[in-house]
């Protein structure tokens, strides 16, 4: 399998110990997760977190929302993990696995 073939697939990642302390910033709480690959480049691999909880500080017009009215929303994000922090990657070739329609899957809270 070539790396480019992983784009769009749900893949298991095992991260290196040295990045473990930084993962919670990206709302990744384990050093192994299932995530959809959204891109691959020379620096690393892009993975999707479809339910990143982010505070919303601006309204649709770009004006700052008062502190008491700010809310947290779940938004889709893409996270770049540098190659040096990836210990292992596993892809499952079973088509049933790639067509899962469940909102809850291992790793991130939800994928689709």
C-alpha atoms as a PDB file:
ATOM      1  CA  UNK A   1       0.000   0.000   0.000  1.00  0.00           C
ATOM      2  CA  UNK A   2       1.204   3.508  -0.819  1.00  0.00           C
ATOM      3  CA  UNK A   3       0.604   6.390   1.580  1.00  0.00           C
ATOM      4  CA  UNK A   4      -1.472   8.346  -0.950  1.00  0.00           C
ATOM      5  CA  UNK A   5      -3.992   5.482  -0.921  1.00  0.00           C
ATOM      6  CA  UNK A   6      -4.812   6.316   2.723  1.00  0.00           C
ATOM      7  CA  UNK A   7      -6.503   9.633   1.875  1.00  0.00           C
ATOM      8  CA  UNK A   8     -10.162   9.509   2.858  1.00  0.00           C
ATOM      9  CA  UNK A   9      -9.768   6.296   4.844  1.00  0.00           C
ATOM     10  CA  UNK A  10     -10.248   5.594   8.522  1.00  0.00           C
ATOM     11  CA  UNK A  11      -6.801   4.607   9.836  1.00  0.00           C
ATOM     12  CA  UNK A  12      -5.347   3.609  13.208  1.00  0.00           C
ATOM     13  CA  UNK A  13      -2.440   5.776  14.402  1.00  0.00           C
ATOM     14  CA  UNK A  14       0.082   5.083  17.156  1.00  0.00           C
ATOM     15  CA  UNK A  15       1.970   8.220  18.173  1.00  0.00           C
ATOM     16  CA  UNK A  16       5.489   8.494  19.596  1.00  0.00           C
ATOM     17  CA  UNK A  17       5.845   9.075  23.332  1.00  0.00           C
ATOM     18  CA  UNK A  18       7.509  12.470  22.797  1.00  0.00           C
ATOM     19  CA  UNK A  19       4.284  14.052  21.426  1.00  0.00           C
ATOM     20  CA  UNK A  20       1.981  12.609  24.083  1.00  0.00           C
ATOM     21  CA  UNK A  21       1.994  15.757  26.269  1.00  0.00           C
ATOM     22  CA  UNK A  22       1.010  17.955  23.296  1.00  0.00           C
ATOM     23  CA  UNK A  23      -1.893  15.831  22.037  1.00  0.00           C
ATOM     24  CA  UNK A  24      -4.578  17.222  24.421  1.00  0.00           C
ATOM     25  CA  UNK A  25      -4.196  20.628  22.715  1.00  0.00           C
ATOM     26  CA  UNK A  26      -5.747  18.957  19.662  1.00  0.00           C
ATOM     27  CA  UNK A  27      -8.313  17.112  21.811  1.00  0.00           C
ATOM     28  CA  UNK A  28      -6.488  13.824  21.322  1.00  0.00           C
ATOM     29  CA  UNK A  29      -6.301  12.111  24.695  1.00  0.00           C
ATOM     30  CA  UNK A  30      -4.574   8.839  23.851  1.00  0.00           C
ATOM     31  CA  UNK A  31      -1.417   7.996  21.946  1.00  0.00           C
ATOM     32  CA  UNK A  32      -3.435   5.736  19.661  1.00  0.00           C
ATOM     33  CA  UNK A  33      -6.515   6.870  17.739  1.00  0.00           C
ATOM     34  CA  UNK A  34      -8.623   6.053  14.722  1.00  0.00           C
ATOM     35  CA  UNK A  35      -8.863   9.040  12.379  1.00  0.00           C
ATOM     36  CA  UNK A  36      -9.722   9.824   8.766  1.00  0.00           C
ATOM     37  CA  UNK A  37      -6.684  10.844   6.697  1.00  0.00           C
ATOM     38  CA  UNK A  38      -7.354  14.111   4.857  1.00  0.00           C
ATOM     39  CA  UNK A  39      -3.926  14.757   3.374  1.00  0.00           C
ATOM     40  CA  UNK A  40      -0.321  13.634   3.124  1.00  0.00           C
ATOM     41  CA  UNK A  41       2.716  15.800   2.478  1.00  0.00           C
ATOM     42  CA  UNK A  42       6.446  15.994   3.133  1.00  0.00           C
ATOM     43  CA  UNK A  43       5.977  17.323   6.673  1.00  0.00           C
ATOM     44  CA  UNK A  44       3.473  14.740   7.888  1.00  0.00           C
ATOM     45  CA  UNK A  45      -0.053  13.441   7.650  1.00  0.00           C
ATOM     46  CA  UNK A  46      -3.303  15.405   8.060  1.00  0.00           C
ATOM     47  CA  UNK A  47      -6.083  13.816  10.098  1.00  0.00           C
ATOM     48  CA  UNK A  48      -9.655  14.926  10.679  1.00  0.00           C
ATOM     49  CA  UNK A  49     -11.281  15.649  14.012  1.00  0.00           C
ATOM     50  CA  UNK A  50     -14.936  16.205  13.059  1.00  0.00           C
ATOM     51  CA  UNK A  51     -15.976  17.272  16.554  1.00  0.00           C
ATOM     52  CA  UNK A  52     -13.275  19.616  17.863  1.00  0.00           C
ATOM     53  CA  UNK A  53     -14.828  21.714  20.620  1.00  0.00           C
ATOM     54  CA  UNK A  54     -13.976  25.352  19.974  1.00  0.00           C
ATOM     55  CA  UNK A  55     -15.073  28.529  21.703  1.00  0.00           C
ATOM     56  CA  UNK A  56     -16.860  30.900  19.325  1.00  0.00           C
ATOM     57  CA  UNK A  57     -15.825  34.497  19.997  1.00  0.00           C
ATOM     58  CA  UNK A  58     -17.073  36.256  16.839  1.00  0.00           C
ATOM     59  CA  UNK A  59     -20.475  36.504  15.246  1.00  0.00           C
ATOM     60  CA  UNK A  60     -21.309  36.163  11.527  1.00  0.00           C
ATOM     61  CA  UNK A  61     -20.362  39.834  10.939  1.00  0.00           C
ATOM     62  CA  UNK A  62     -16.931  39.375  12.540  1.00  0.00           C
ATOM     63  CA  UNK A  63     -17.818  41.317  15.680  1.00  0.00           C
ATOM     64  CA  UNK A  64     -16.548  40.097  19.050  1.00  0.00           C
ATOM     65  CA  UNK A  65     -19.223  38.303  21.080  1.00  0.00           C
ATOM     66  CA  UNK A  66     -19.422  39.485  24.715  1.00  0.00           C
ATOM     67  CA  UNK A  67     -17.772  37.033  27.146  1.00  0.00           C
ATOM     68  CA  UNK A  68     -21.088  36.041  28.740  1.00  0.00           C
ATOM     69  CA  UNK A  69     -22.573  35.099  25.358  1.00  0.00           C
ATOM     70  CA  UNK A  70     -19.646  33.087  23.991  1.00  0.00           C
ATOM     71  CA  UNK A  71     -20.416  29.410  23.428  1.00  0.00           C
ATOM     72  CA  UNK A  72     -18.470  26.289  22.561  1.00  0.00           C
ATOM     73  CA  UNK A  73     -19.345  24.511  19.330  1.00  0.00           C
ATOM     74  CA  UNK A  74     -18.137  21.333  17.696  1.00  0.00           C
ATOM     75  CA  UNK A  75     -16.384  22.058  14.402  1.00  0.00           C
ATOM     76  CA  UNK A  76     -14.531  19.939  11.870  1.00  0.00           C
ATOM     77  CA  UNK A  77     -10.757  20.443  12.004  1.00  0.00           C
ATOM     78  CA  UNK A  78      -7.713  19.009  10.254  1.00  0.00           C
ATOM     79  CA  UNK A  79      -4.592  18.349  12.299  1.00  0.00           C
ATOM     80  CA  UNK A  80      -1.080  17.933  10.878  1.00  0.00           C
ATOM     81  CA  UNK A  81       0.953  15.293  12.700  1.00  0.00           C
ATOM     82  CA  UNK A  82       4.641  15.427  11.755  1.00  0.00           C
ATOM     83  CA  UNK A  83       6.140  12.163  10.512  1.00  0.00           C
ATOM     84  CA  UNK A  84       8.632  12.027  13.394  1.00  0.00           C
ATOM     85  CA  UNK A  85       5.731  11.716  15.866  1.00  0.00           C
ATOM     86  CA  UNK A  86       4.024   8.798  14.108  1.00  0.00           C
ATOM     87  CA  UNK A  87       5.189   5.452  15.403  1.00  0.00           C
ATOM     88  CA  UNK A  88       2.845   3.247  13.342  1.00  0.00           C
ATOM     89  CA  UNK A  89      -0.150   3.390  10.984  1.00  0.00           C
ATOM     90  CA  UNK A  90      -2.641   0.601  10.317  1.00  0.00           C
ATOM     91  CA  UNK A  91      -5.166   0.469   7.488  1.00  0.00           C
ATOM     92  CA  UNK A  92      -7.971  -2.103   7.396  1.00  0.00           C
ATOM     93  CA  UNK A  93      -8.644  -3.365   3.864  1.00  0.00           C
ATOM     94  CA  UNK A  94     -12.141  -4.659   4.627  1.00  0.00           C
ATOM     95  CA  UNK A  95     -14.632  -2.430   2.741  1.00  0.00           C
ATOM     96  CA  UNK A  96     -17.227  -2.802   5.502  1.00  0.00           C
ATOM     97  CA  UNK A  97     -14.850  -1.036   7.860  1.00  0.00           C
ATOM     98  CA  UNK A  98     -14.457   1.954   5.538  1.00  0.00           C
ATOM     99  CA  UNK A  99     -18.228   2.336   5.031  1.00  0.00           C
ATOM    100  CA  UNK A 100     -19.172   2.607   8.701  1.00  0.00           C
ATOM    101  CA  UNK A 101     -22.066   5.035   9.093  1.00  0.00           C
ATOM    102  CA  UNK A 102     -21.992   5.206  12.889  1.00  0.00           C
ATOM    103  CA  UNK A 103     -21.574   8.609  14.508  1.00  0.00           C
ATOM    104  CA  UNK A 104     -19.506   7.047  17.288  1.00  0.00           C
ATOM    105  CA  UNK A 105     -16.249   5.301  16.461  1.00  0.00           C
ATOM    106  CA  UNK A 106     -13.036   4.559  18.414  1.00  0.00           C
ATOM    107  CA  UNK A 107     -10.550   7.382  18.945  1.00  0.00           C
ATOM    108  CA  UNK A 108     -12.143  10.760  18.271  1.00  0.00           C
ATOM    109  CA  UNK A 109     -15.697  11.213  19.533  1.00  0.00           C
ATOM    110  CA  UNK A 110     -17.249  10.906  16.041  1.00  0.00           C
ATOM    111  CA  UNK A 111     -15.994  10.671  12.495  1.00  0.00           C
ATOM    112  CA  UNK A 112     -18.851  11.433  10.129  1.00  0.00           C
END
